[in-house]
Amino acid sequence: MTKKQHGLLFHIGDVVLNIILIVAVVVAIRTFLVSPFQVDGNSMADTLEDGQYIIINKLAYIVGKPKRGDIAVFNPPGENRKYYVKRVIGLPGDKISIRDGYIYLIKSGEEEESKLREIYLNEANDGHTYRHPPQQENKSEIVFSVPEDKYLLLGDNRKGSLDSRSFGILDKNKSYVGEDEIKGRVWFVALPLSKINVIDCPGYEFCKE
């Protein structure tokens, strides 16, 4: 009787230990490696669509830095619980100018300005990047000087996105997203199955004006 009781308790303990280990592994993976995220809204159309499930690579920004063109999930300035998904446009030290519907860039440490070729923008948004509010097509120039350890992020749906243009509408310093606020890079679209695809870096080309 004693041996049977001992065997049962050992079996129960083994099952509980395995459950704890599995939960610990899942938590570690979600915290440090990858995590699912559901797109809410159309601010990244046509690249990402409302309701899609995407997988976030968190490790990318633990071992490296955000790159221009990355699609990232982040907390907007002043928000700790809200998450946005946008594209990294400006890196630390960059000077970004929005004028005449396009983005012009002076890279950190350089003096020459180039126009950003944004091949991922759809026909409705290509050539229609304006200052906030974007629906009014305000063509007056706005310039962003990205501070160190900060980033400028914009949605691909330039006419319908709340992003760095709107974050700093009252305080220009709030236009920028801190490195510690960026939680991960969008790796691929997981659902729906018909939309599964890996999100690649756009491979920017720059044209001189």
Protein backbone atom coordinates (compact mmCIF):
# COMPACT_ATOMS: atom_id res chain seq x y z
CA MET A 1 0.00 0.00 0.00
CA THR A 2 2.83 2.40 0.92
CA LYS A 3 4.66 1.77 -2.36
CA LYS A 4 1.50 2.40 -4.39
CA GLN A 5 0.84 5.66 -2.54
CA HIS A 6 4.43 6.79 -3.05
CA GLY A 7 4.22 5.95 -6.73
CA LEU A 8 1.02 7.95 -7.19
CA LEU A 9 2.41 11.02 -5.43
CA PHE A 10 5.60 10.81 -7.48
CA HIS A 11 3.56 10.61 -10.70
CA ILE A 12 1.44 13.61 -9.70
CA GLY A 13 4.55 15.57 -8.75
CA ASP A 14 6.17 14.71 -12.08
CA VAL A 15 3.11 15.94 -14.01
CA VAL A 16 3.00 19.19 -12.00
CA LEU A 17 6.73 19.76 -12.56
CA ASN A 18 6.34 19.25 -16.30
CA ILE A 19 3.43 21.70 -16.42
CA ILE A 20 5.51 24.30 -14.54
CA LEU A 21 8.44 23.79 -16.93
CA ILE A 22 6.20 24.11 -20.00
CA VAL A 23 4.61 27.30 -18.66
CA ALA A 24 8.07 28.71 -17.83
CA VAL A 25 9.31 27.96 -21.37
CA VAL A 26 6.23 29.57 -22.95
CA VAL A 27 6.58 32.68 -20.76
CA ALA A 28 10.31 32.93 -21.59
CA ILE A 29 9.61 32.60 -25.32
CA ARG A 30 6.86 35.25 -25.22
CA THR A 31 9.02 37.58 -23.12
CA PHE A 32 12.35 37.32 -24.90
CA LEU A 33 11.89 35.66 -28.29
CA VAL A 34 8.56 35.88 -30.13
CA SER A 35 5.00 36.90 -29.38
CA PRO A 36 1.68 37.04 -31.27
CA PHE A 37 -0.04 40.37 -31.90
CA GLN A 38 -3.31 41.30 -33.59
CA VAL A 39 -3.42 44.29 -35.93
CA ASP A 40 -6.09 46.79 -34.90
CA GLY A 41 -7.06 49.25 -37.62
CA ASN A 42 -5.88 50.11 -41.13
CA SER A 43 -2.93 52.40 -40.38
CA MET A 44 -0.51 49.96 -42.07
CA ALA A 45 -2.64 49.17 -45.16
CA ASP A 46 -1.85 47.62 -47.58
CA THR A 47 1.16 46.00 -45.86
CA LEU A 48 -0.86 44.83 -42.84
CA GLU A 49 -4.63 44.61 -42.60
CA ASP A 50 -7.07 45.06 -39.73
CA GLY A 51 -7.60 41.86 -37.75
CA GLN A 52 -4.53 40.02 -39.02
CA TYR A 53 -2.41 38.09 -36.54
CA ILE A 54 1.29 38.77 -36.78
CA ILE A 55 4.33 37.28 -35.03
CA ILE A 56 6.72 39.68 -33.32
CA ASN A 57 10.45 38.95 -33.13
CA LYS A 58 11.51 40.41 -29.77
CA LEU A 59 15.03 39.00 -29.90
CA ALA A 60 15.84 41.20 -32.90
CA TYR A 61 15.95 44.29 -30.68
CA ILE A 62 17.58 42.56 -27.74
CA VAL A 63 20.66 41.64 -29.80
CA GLY A 64 20.39 44.51 -32.32
CA LYS A 65 18.87 47.90 -33.09
CA PRO A 66 15.81 48.89 -35.12
CA LYS A 67 16.61 49.47 -38.79
CA ARG A 68 15.05 51.84 -41.27
CA GLY A 69 12.14 50.08 -42.91
CA ASP A 70 11.44 47.70 -40.04
CA ILE A 71 7.79 47.34 -39.03
CA ALA A 72 7.79 47.54 -35.26
CA VAL A 73 5.37 47.13 -32.35
CA PHE A 74 5.84 49.79 -29.69
CA ASN A 75 4.32 51.85 -26.91
CA PRO A 76 3.60 55.40 -28.12
CA PRO A 77 5.08 58.24 -26.03
CA GLY A 78 3.34 58.52 -22.66
CA GLU A 79 1.53 55.16 -23.00
CA ASN A 80 2.63 52.02 -21.18
CA ARG A 81 -0.22 49.66 -22.04
CA LYS A 82 -1.24 50.70 -25.54
CA TYR A 83 0.54 49.16 -28.54
CA TYR A 84 0.93 50.54 -32.05
CA VAL A 85 2.44 48.95 -35.14
CA LYS A 86 4.23 51.31 -37.59
CA ARG A 87 7.28 51.49 -39.84
CA VAL A 88 10.65 52.85 -38.68
CA ILE A 89 11.49 55.83 -40.89
CA GLY A 90 13.93 57.96 -38.89
CA LEU A 91 16.94 56.63 -36.97
CA PRO A 92 18.83 58.40 -34.16
CA GLY A 93 20.53 61.54 -35.45
CA ASP A 94 18.59 61.67 -38.74
CA LYS A 95 16.92 64.78 -40.10
CA ILE A 96 13.56 63.98 -41.70
CA SER A 97 11.66 66.50 -43.81
CA ILE A 98 8.08 65.99 -44.99
CA ARG A 99 7.23 68.24 -47.92
CA ASP A 100 5.21 68.11 -51.13
CA GLY A 101 3.88 64.67 -50.17
CA TYR A 102 7.25 62.96 -49.84
CA ILE A 103 9.89 62.17 -47.21
CA TYR A 104 13.37 63.62 -47.51
CA LEU A 105 16.22 62.31 -45.40
CA ILE A 106 19.61 63.50 -44.21
CA LYS A 107 21.23 60.52 -42.53
CA SER A 108 23.02 60.94 -39.23
CA GLY A 109 26.55 62.24 -39.81
CA GLU A 110 25.88 63.18 -43.45
CA GLU A 111 25.01 66.45 -45.17
CA GLU A 112 23.41 65.37 -48.44
CA GLU A 113 19.63 65.07 -48.62
CA SER A 114 17.85 62.28 -50.50
CA LYS A 115 14.24 61.44 -51.17
CA LEU A 116 13.09 58.16 -49.68
CA ARG A 117 11.72 55.68 -52.23
CA GLU A 118 8.81 54.02 -50.46
CA ILE A 119 7.86 51.10 -52.69
CA TYR A 120 5.53 49.65 -50.03
CA LEU A 121 3.05 52.54 -50.21
CA ASN A 122 -0.11 51.89 -52.22
CA GLU A 123 -1.32 54.19 -54.99
CA ALA A 124 -3.53 56.22 -52.63
CA ASN A 125 -0.62 57.00 -50.31
CA ASP A 126 2.40 57.23 -52.59
CA GLY A 127 3.25 60.92 -52.86
CA HIS A 128 0.67 61.83 -50.21
CA THR A 129 2.67 62.02 -46.98
CA TYR A 130 1.73 65.22 -45.17
CA ARG A 131 1.98 66.70 -41.71
CA HIS A 132 -0.81 66.05 -39.18
CA PRO A 133 -3.74 66.00 -39.71
CA PRO A 134 -2.90 64.10 -42.93
CA GLN A 135 -6.46 64.07 -44.31
CA GLN A 136 -6.20 67.82 -45.00
CA GLU A 137 -3.17 67.33 -47.26
CA ASN A 138 -1.31 70.13 -45.49
CA LYS A 139 1.63 70.57 -47.86
CA SER A 140 3.63 72.93 -45.65
CA GLU A 141 6.99 71.44 -44.71
CA ILE A 142 7.64 69.91 -41.30
CA VAL A 143 11.13 68.87 -40.15
CA PHE A 144 12.00 66.25 -37.54
CA SER A 145 15.48 66.11 -35.99
CA VAL A 146 15.54 62.68 -34.40
CA PRO A 147 17.33 62.68 -31.01
CA GLU A 148 19.84 60.01 -29.98
CA ASP A 149 18.22 56.75 -28.80
CA LYS A 150 14.93 57.82 -30.43
CA TYR A 151 13.11 56.81 -33.61
CA LEU A 152 10.52 58.29 -35.97
CA LEU A 153 7.74 55.89 -36.99
CA LEU A 154 4.99 56.30 -39.60
CA GLY A 155 2.11 54.13 -40.76
CA ASP A 156 2.05 52.98 -44.39
CA ASN A 157 -1.49 54.35 -44.70
CA ARG A 158 -0.26 57.93 -44.54
CA LYS A 159 -3.75 59.40 -44.92
CA GLY A 160 -5.17 57.40 -42.02
CA SER A 161 -2.44 56.84 -39.46
CA LEU A 162 -1.77 58.24 -36.01
CA ASP A 163 2.01 58.14 -35.75
CA SER A 164 5.03 60.36 -35.03
CA ARG A 165 3.34 63.19 -36.92
CA SER A 166 0.45 63.24 -34.45
CA PHE A 167 2.29 62.19 -31.28
CA GLY A 168 4.12 65.53 -31.26
CA ILE A 169 1.30 67.79 -32.41
CA LEU A 170 1.37 69.66 -29.06
CA ASP A 171 4.94 68.90 -28.00
CA LYS A 172 7.48 68.18 -30.76
CA ASN A 173 9.63 66.17 -28.31
CA LYS A 174 6.86 63.57 -28.10
CA SER A 175 7.12 62.84 -31.82
CA TYR A 176 9.87 60.35 -31.17
CA VAL A 177 9.76 56.81 -29.80
CA GLY A 178 12.43 55.68 -27.35
CA GLU A 179 14.39 52.51 -27.99
CA ASP A 180 13.08 50.97 -24.77
CA GLU A 181 9.49 51.58 -25.97
CA ILE A 182 9.98 49.45 -29.10
CA LYS A 183 9.00 45.89 -28.21
CA GLY A 184 9.82 43.93 -31.33
CA ARG A 185 9.99 43.67 -35.11
CA VAL A 186 7.13 42.21 -37.14
CA TRP A 187 8.42 38.89 -38.44
CA PHE A 188 5.54 37.46 -40.45
CA VAL A 189 1.77 37.43 -40.90
CA ALA A 190 0.37 34.24 -39.33
CA LEU A 191 -3.39 34.56 -39.87
CA PRO A 192 -5.50 34.40 -41.91
CA LEU A 193 -3.84 31.50 -43.72
CA SER A 194 -4.47 33.12 -47.10
CA LYS A 195 -2.31 36.10 -46.07
CA ILE A 196 0.69 34.26 -44.57
CA ASN A 197 3.91 35.98 -45.61
CA VAL A 198 7.28 37.01 -44.22
CA ILE A 199 7.80 40.76 -43.77
CA ASP A 200 11.03 41.67 -45.55
CA CYS A 201 13.15 44.78 -45.24
CA PRO A 202 12.16 47.09 -48.13
CA GLY A 203 15.75 47.57 -49.34
CA TYR A 204 15.62 51.33 -49.71
CA GLU A 205 16.96 53.13 -52.71
CA PHE A 206 17.55 56.85 -52.42
CA CYS A 207 17.21 59.39 -55.18
CA LYS A 208 18.95 62.74 -55.21
CA GLU A 209 16.84 65.84 -55.69
